[in-house]
Amino acid sequence: MQDPVPASASSFETYISSIEAKLARGEHEEVARYSKALIPNGRFRIFLKKLPTGPMKPSIEGFLGGLGIWEAETNGLVAFEPVPTARDAHIVLEFKDDLTYQGAPVAGHARWLLTQNGLSVRIQIRTKAPNGKPLSSGCIQQSVAHELGHVLGLDDGNDGVMSPVDIRNPRLKPSVAEVERVIRIRDRIRAITTEAIISR
């Protein structure tokens, strides 16, 4: 069974609640598989599918910066590993000159699929402003960090990297509240997994 959903905190919360329901029903093996899928052991494997058509340096710097700030701000609790093929990846990211969602221009978009076999995320990142000018590495960094924030369980907000991307003043690191929320989510999932293992 698989559950395709837009990546958002509400859908992430739904998954956690469904795992807790499985735990209450005594479905311990399934709980362990789904929990591991939400927070893989080690690093999230990420594949860069499509390079930008314009200047490459801002996009690559933004991509690496978006990964790096989550690793730095969580002291390595969240970590990413580039891999050579999409088949090996939890997350596949591609750059697009133009990107819209529900008819409106957006800086990025993520969709994800969670099954007992693992996590599969598709992220698209805009590289040009609506006027056609290339976006800065800072804008792309926030866009990458923002979409990864959804994968980590965060919803859109007004602070840190989860706020809307301001071309003139991109947010280059998550807020303290965003980092604390990610850590709480991961602690909650680990607690569910531990209980499932103990109860087997």
C-alpha atoms as a PDB file:
ATOM      1  CA  MET A   1       0.000   0.000   0.000  1.00  0.00           C
ATOM      2  CA  GLN A   2       1.223   3.526  -0.711  1.00  0.00           C
ATOM      3  CA  ASP A   3      -0.046   6.956   0.256  1.00  0.00           C
ATOM      4  CA  PRO A   4       0.838   9.793  -2.163  1.00  0.00           C
ATOM      5  CA  VAL A   5       0.430  13.185  -0.493  1.00  0.00           C
ATOM      6  CA  PRO A   6       1.776  16.727  -0.802  1.00  0.00           C
ATOM      7  CA  ALA A   7       4.655  17.192   1.616  1.00  0.00           C
ATOM      8  CA  SER A   8       3.379  19.237   4.529  1.00  0.00           C
ATOM      9  CA  ALA A   9       3.301  19.131   8.298  1.00  0.00           C
ATOM     10  CA  SER A  10      -0.364  18.137   8.313  1.00  0.00           C
ATOM     11  CA  SER A  11       0.266  15.107   6.096  1.00  0.00           C
ATOM     12  CA  PHE A  12       3.376  14.243   8.129  1.00  0.00           C
ATOM     13  CA  GLU A  13       1.310  14.431  11.312  1.00  0.00           C
ATOM     14  CA  THR A  14      -1.293  12.173   9.703  1.00  0.00           C
ATOM     15  CA  TYR A  15       1.383   9.580   9.021  1.00  0.00           C
ATOM     16  CA  ILE A  16       2.679   9.698  12.593  1.00  0.00           C
ATOM     17  CA  SER A  17      -0.871   9.331  13.931  1.00  0.00           C
ATOM     18  CA  SER A  18      -1.468   6.337  11.657  1.00  0.00           C
ATOM     19  CA  ILE A  19       1.744   4.733  12.927  1.00  0.00           C
ATOM     20  CA  GLU A  20       0.624   5.294  16.527  1.00  0.00           C
ATOM     21  CA  ALA A  21      -2.705   3.645  15.659  1.00  0.00           C
ATOM     22  CA  LYS A  22      -0.841   0.633  14.250  1.00  0.00           C
ATOM     23  CA  LEU A  23       1.158   0.480  17.492  1.00  0.00           C
ATOM     24  CA  ALA A  24      -2.053   0.509  19.543  1.00  0.00           C
ATOM     25  CA  ARG A  25      -3.342  -2.415  17.442  1.00  0.00           C
ATOM     26  CA  GLY A  26      -0.155  -4.378  18.103  1.00  0.00           C
ATOM     27  CA  GLU A  27       1.143  -4.203  14.516  1.00  0.00           C
ATOM     28  CA  HIS A  28       4.723  -3.892  15.725  1.00  0.00           C
ATOM     29  CA  GLU A  29       6.563  -5.076  12.599  1.00  0.00           C
ATOM     30  CA  GLU A  30       4.675  -2.624  10.420  1.00  0.00           C
ATOM     31  CA  VAL A  31       5.256   0.202  12.908  1.00  0.00           C
ATOM     32  CA  ALA A  32       9.008  -0.396  12.784  1.00  0.00           C
ATOM     33  CA  ARG A  33       9.050  -0.339   8.966  1.00  0.00           C
ATOM     34  CA  TYR A  34       6.995   2.853   8.620  1.00  0.00           C
ATOM     35  CA  SER A  35       8.908   4.646  11.381  1.00  0.00           C
ATOM     36  CA  LYS A  36      12.212   3.804   9.756  1.00  0.00           C
ATOM     37  CA  ALA A  37      10.866   5.149   6.466  1.00  0.00           C
ATOM     38  CA  LEU A  38      10.012   8.519   8.050  1.00  0.00           C
ATOM     39  CA  ILE A  39      13.448   8.952   9.614  1.00  0.00           C
ATOM     40  CA  PRO A  40      15.927   6.719   7.769  1.00  0.00           C
ATOM     41  CA  ASN A  41      18.902   5.404   9.679  1.00  0.00           C
ATOM     42  CA  GLY A  42      21.972   7.456   8.856  1.00  0.00           C
ATOM     43  CA  ARG A  43      21.457  10.067   6.138  1.00  0.00           C
ATOM     44  CA  PHE A  44      18.700  11.043   3.758  1.00  0.00           C
ATOM     45  CA  ARG A  45      19.993  10.012   0.331  1.00  0.00           C
ATOM     46  CA  ILE A  46      19.456  12.763  -2.244  1.00  0.00           C
ATOM     47  CA  PHE A  47      19.864  12.750  -6.025  1.00  0.00           C
ATOM     48  CA  LEU A  48      20.188  15.907  -8.123  1.00  0.00           C
ATOM     49  CA  LYS A  49      18.176  14.977 -11.216  1.00  0.00           C
ATOM     50  CA  LYS A  50      18.214  18.078 -13.368  1.00  0.00           C
ATOM     51  CA  LEU A  51      20.737  20.888 -13.442  1.00  0.00           C
ATOM     52  CA  PRO A  52      19.673  24.463 -14.239  1.00  0.00           C
ATOM     53  CA  THR A  53      19.704  25.706 -17.814  1.00  0.00           C
ATOM     54  CA  GLY A  54      21.211  29.081 -16.829  1.00  0.00           C
ATOM     55  CA  PRO A  55      24.117  29.986 -14.547  1.00  0.00           C
ATOM     56  CA  MET A  56      25.010  26.864 -12.590  1.00  0.00           C
ATOM     57  CA  LYS A  57      26.994  28.292  -9.674  1.00  0.00           C
ATOM     58  CA  PRO A  58      24.073  29.932  -7.762  1.00  0.00           C
ATOM     59  CA  SER A  59      21.979  26.778  -8.038  1.00  0.00           C
ATOM     60  CA  ILE A  60      24.720  24.414  -6.889  1.00  0.00           C
ATOM     61  CA  GLU A  61      25.729  26.750  -4.053  1.00  0.00           C
ATOM     62  CA  GLY A  62      22.080  27.084  -3.038  1.00  0.00           C
ATOM     63  CA  PHE A  63      21.551  23.337  -3.202  1.00  0.00           C
ATOM     64  CA  LEU A  64      24.564  22.583  -1.009  1.00  0.00           C
ATOM     65  CA  GLY A  65      23.718  25.448   1.339  1.00  0.00           C
ATOM     66  CA  GLY A  66      20.144  24.199   1.782  1.00  0.00           C
ATOM     67  CA  LEU A  67      21.441  20.779   2.806  1.00  0.00           C
ATOM     68  CA  GLY A  68      24.219  22.162   4.942  1.00  0.00           C
ATOM     69  CA  ILE A  69      22.170  24.494   7.110  1.00  0.00           C
ATOM     70  CA  TRP A  70      19.878  21.692   8.316  1.00  0.00           C
ATOM     71  CA  GLU A  71      22.910  19.568   9.142  1.00  0.00           C
ATOM     72  CA  ALA A  72      24.598  22.458  10.950  1.00  0.00           C
ATOM     73  CA  GLU A  73      21.558  23.710  12.873  1.00  0.00           C
ATOM     74  CA  THR A  74      20.591  20.213  14.084  1.00  0.00           C
ATOM     75  CA  ASN A  75      24.209  19.294  14.942  1.00  0.00           C
ATOM     76  CA  GLY A  76      24.116  16.438  12.453  1.00  0.00           C
ATOM     77  CA  LEU A  77      20.828  14.949  13.662  1.00  0.00           C
ATOM     78  CA  VAL A  78      19.552  15.618  10.140  1.00  0.00           C
ATOM     79  CA  ALA A  79      22.061  14.740   7.439  1.00  0.00           C
ATOM     80  CA  PHE A  80      22.083  14.227   3.675  1.00  0.00           C
ATOM     81  CA  GLU A  81      24.166  12.131   1.319  1.00  0.00           C
ATOM     82  CA  PRO A  82      24.282  12.799  -2.440  1.00  0.00           C
ATOM     83  CA  VAL A  83      23.897   9.579  -4.446  1.00  0.00           C
ATOM     84  CA  PRO A  84      24.536   8.909  -8.160  1.00  0.00           C
ATOM     85  CA  THR A  85      21.100   7.584  -9.180  1.00  0.00           C
ATOM     86  CA  ALA A  86      17.461   8.293  -8.410  1.00  0.00           C
ATOM     87  CA  ARG A  87      16.927   4.610  -7.634  1.00  0.00           C
ATOM     88  CA  ASP A  88      19.226   4.925  -4.609  1.00  0.00           C
ATOM     89  CA  ALA A  89      17.636   8.143  -3.304  1.00  0.00           C
ATOM     90  CA  HIS A  90      15.018   9.046  -0.725  1.00  0.00           C
ATOM     91  CA  ILE A  91      14.843  12.530  -2.275  1.00  0.00           C
ATOM     92  CA  VAL A  92      15.103  13.510  -5.952  1.00  0.00           C
ATOM     93  CA  LEU A  93      15.587  17.228  -6.623  1.00  0.00           C
ATOM     94  CA  GLU A  94      15.409  19.053  -9.936  1.00  0.00           C
ATOM     95  CA  PHE A  95      15.848  22.681 -10.950  1.00  0.00           C
ATOM     96  CA  LYS A  96      13.316  24.427 -13.190  1.00  0.00           C
ATOM     97  CA  ASP A  97      13.493  27.874 -14.794  1.00  0.00           C
ATOM     98  CA  ASP A  98       9.790  28.408 -14.124  1.00  0.00           C
ATOM     99  CA  LEU A  99       7.613  26.741 -11.519  1.00  0.00           C
ATOM    100  CA  THR A 100       3.943  27.124 -10.636  1.00  0.00           C
ATOM    101  CA  TYR A 101       1.594  25.410  -8.215  1.00  0.00           C
ATOM    102  CA  GLN A 102      -2.170  25.695  -8.599  1.00  0.00           C
ATOM    103  CA  GLY A 103      -1.625  28.400 -11.209  1.00  0.00           C
ATOM    104  CA  ALA A 104       0.625  30.650  -9.102  1.00  0.00           C
ATOM    105  CA  PRO A 105       4.422  31.046  -9.315  1.00  0.00           C
ATOM    106  CA  VAL A 106       6.274  29.364  -6.446  1.00  0.00           C
ATOM    107  CA  ALA A 107       9.911  29.104  -5.356  1.00  0.00           C
ATOM    108  CA  GLY A 108       9.700  25.357  -4.793  1.00  0.00           C
ATOM    109  CA  HIS A 109       7.376  22.413  -4.476  1.00  0.00           C
ATOM    110  CA  ALA A 110       7.621  18.946  -2.928  1.00  0.00           C
ATOM    111  CA  ARG A 111       5.562  15.794  -3.221  1.00  0.00           C
ATOM    112  CA  TRP A 112       6.273  12.651  -1.288  1.00  0.00           C
ATOM    113  CA  LEU A 113       5.276   9.050  -1.043  1.00  0.00           C
ATOM    114  CA  LEU A 114       5.618   6.958   2.107  1.00  0.00           C
ATOM    115  CA  THR A 115       5.288   3.199   2.132  1.00  0.00           C
ATOM    116  CA  GLN A 116       6.534   0.528   4.488  1.00  0.00           C
ATOM    117  CA  ASN A 117       9.394   0.101   2.001  1.00  0.00           C
ATOM    118  CA  GLY A 118      10.668   3.645   2.333  1.00  0.00           C
ATOM    119  CA  LEU A 119      10.388   7.342   1.692  1.00  0.00           C
ATOM    120  CA  SER A 120      10.286   8.801  -1.818  1.00  0.00           C
ATOM    121  CA  VAL A 121      10.304  12.587  -2.259  1.00  0.00           C
ATOM    122  CA  ARG A 122      10.263  14.684  -5.447  1.00  0.00           C
ATOM    123  CA  ILE A 123      11.346  18.319  -5.059  1.00  0.00           C
ATOM    124  CA  GLN A 124      11.325  21.018  -7.731  1.00  0.00           C
ATOM    125  CA  ILE A 125      13.180  24.323  -7.236  1.00  0.00           C
ATOM    126  CA  ARG A 126      12.751  27.507  -9.296  1.00  0.00           C
ATOM    127  CA  THR A 127      15.984  29.073 -10.592  1.00  0.00           C
ATOM    128  CA  LYS A 128      14.597  32.234 -12.252  1.00  0.00           C
ATOM    129  CA  ALA A 129      12.339  35.000 -10.981  1.00  0.00           C
ATOM    130  CA  PRO A 130       9.025  35.554 -12.801  1.00  0.00           C
ATOM    131  CA  ASN A 131      10.743  38.359 -14.732  1.00  0.00           C
ATOM    132  CA  GLY A 132      13.269  35.857 -16.092  1.00  0.00           C
ATOM    133  CA  LYS A 133      16.270  37.019 -14.050  1.00  0.00           C
ATOM    134  CA  PRO A 134      18.339  34.290 -12.347  1.00  0.00           C
ATOM    135  CA  LEU A 135      17.681  33.900  -8.616  1.00  0.00           C
ATOM    136  CA  SER A 136      20.557  34.311  -6.192  1.00  0.00           C
ATOM    137  CA  SER A 137      22.182  31.393  -4.423  1.00  0.00           C
ATOM    138  CA  GLY A 138      20.585  32.693  -1.193  1.00  0.00           C
ATOM    139  CA  CYS A 139      17.081  32.460  -2.664  1.00  0.00           C
ATOM    140  CA  ILE A 140      17.754  28.963  -3.942  1.00  0.00           C
ATOM    141  CA  GLN A 141      19.257  27.971  -0.591  1.00  0.00           C
ATOM    142  CA  GLN A 142      16.100  29.030   1.239  1.00  0.00           C
ATOM    143  CA  SER A 143      13.925  27.249  -1.338  1.00  0.00           C
ATOM    144  CA  VAL A 144      15.871  24.000  -0.923  1.00  0.00           C
ATOM    145  CA  ALA A 145      15.882  24.302   2.883  1.00  0.00           C
ATOM    146  CA  HIS A 146      12.154  25.146   2.860  1.00  0.00           C
ATOM    147  CA  GLU A 147      11.164  22.072   0.841  1.00  0.00           C
ATOM    148  CA  LEU A 148      13.413  19.850   2.945  1.00  0.00           C
ATOM    149  CA  GLY A 149      11.708  21.359   5.988  1.00  0.00           C
ATOM    150  CA  HIS A 150       8.419  19.920   4.718  1.00  0.00           C
ATOM    151  CA  VAL A 151      10.072  16.501   4.456  1.00  0.00           C
ATOM    152  CA  LEU A 152      11.207  16.905   8.076  1.00  0.00           C
ATOM    153  CA  GLY A 153       7.648  17.634   9.198  1.00  0.00           C
ATOM    154  CA  LEU A 154       7.406  21.429   9.099  1.00  0.00           C
ATOM    155  CA  ASP A 155       4.595  23.481   7.618  1.00  0.00           C
ATOM    156  CA  ASP A 156       4.767  26.907   5.981  1.00  0.00           C
ATOM    157  CA  GLY A 157       5.380  29.700   8.473  1.00  0.00           C
ATOM    158  CA  ASN A 158       6.403  33.311   8.905  1.00  0.00           C
ATOM    159  CA  ASP A 159       9.827  32.785  10.441  1.00  0.00           C
ATOM    160  CA  GLY A 160      13.035  31.126   9.353  1.00  0.00           C
ATOM    161  CA  VAL A 161      13.340  29.084   6.179  1.00  0.00           C
ATOM    162  CA  MET A 162       9.677  28.066   6.231  1.00  0.00           C
ATOM    163  CA  SER A 163       8.592  31.653   5.559  1.00  0.00           C
ATOM    164  CA  PRO A 164       7.862  32.753   1.972  1.00  0.00           C
ATOM    165  CA  VAL A 165      11.007  33.416  -0.074  1.00  0.00           C
ATOM    166  CA  ASP A 166      11.746  37.141  -0.298  1.00  0.00           C
ATOM    167  CA  ILE A 167      14.003  37.677  -3.314  1.00  0.00           C
ATOM    168  CA  ARG A 168      15.536  40.765  -1.687  1.00  0.00           C
ATOM    169  CA  ASN A 169      16.097  39.169   1.716  1.00  0.00           C
ATOM    170  CA  PRO A 170      16.123  35.345   1.729  1.00  0.00           C
ATOM    171  CA  ARG A 171      16.242  33.543   5.077  1.00  0.00           C
ATOM    172  CA  LEU A 172      19.441  31.544   5.139  1.00  0.00           C
ATOM    173  CA  LYS A 173      18.885  29.429   8.256  1.00  0.00           C
ATOM    174  CA  PRO A 174      15.979  27.865  10.152  1.00  0.00           C
ATOM    175  CA  SER A 175      14.642  29.600  13.228  1.00  0.00           C
ATOM    176  CA  VAL A 176      15.197  28.172  16.699  1.00  0.00           C
ATOM    177  CA  ALA A 177      11.518  27.142  16.779  1.00  0.00           C
ATOM    178  CA  GLU A 178      11.838  25.304  13.454  1.00  0.00           C
ATOM    179  CA  VAL A 179      14.887  23.377  14.650  1.00  0.00           C
ATOM    180  CA  GLU A 180      13.217  22.498  17.951  1.00  0.00           C
ATOM    181  CA  ARG A 181      10.113  21.284  16.105  1.00  0.00           C
ATOM    182  CA  VAL A 182      12.189  18.993  13.859  1.00  0.00           C
ATOM    183  CA  ILE A 183      13.975  17.532  16.888  1.00  0.00           C
ATOM    184  CA  ARG A 184      10.672  16.955  18.739  1.00  0.00           C
ATOM    185  CA  ILE A 185       9.198  15.173  15.713  1.00  0.00           C
ATOM    186  CA  ARG A 186      12.208  12.897  15.373  1.00  0.00           C
ATOM    187  CA  ASP A 187      12.200  12.152  19.113  1.00  0.00           C
ATOM    188  CA  ARG A 188       8.507  11.245  18.905  1.00  0.00           C
ATOM    189  CA  ILE A 189       9.068   8.851  16.006  1.00  0.00           C
ATOM    190  CA  ARG A 190      12.041   7.250  17.759  1.00  0.00           C
ATOM    191  CA  ALA A 191       9.925   6.747  20.892  1.00  0.00           C
ATOM    192  CA  ILE A 192       7.244   5.012  18.810  1.00  0.00           C
ATOM    193  CA  THR A 193       9.877   2.783  17.201  1.00  0.00           C
ATOM    194  CA  THR A 194      11.419   1.878  20.578  1.00  0.00           C
ATOM    195  CA  GLU A 195       8.040   0.959  22.011  1.00  0.00           C
ATOM    196  CA  ALA A 196       7.292  -1.226  18.984  1.00  0.00           C
ATOM    197  CA  ILE A 197      10.616  -3.058  19.356  1.00  0.00           C
ATOM    198  CA  ILE A 198      10.134  -3.589  23.107  1.00  0.00           C
ATOM    199  CA  SER A 199       6.568  -4.828  22.601  1.00  0.00           C
ATOM    200  CA  ARG A 200       7.391  -7.413  19.923  1.00  0.00           C
END
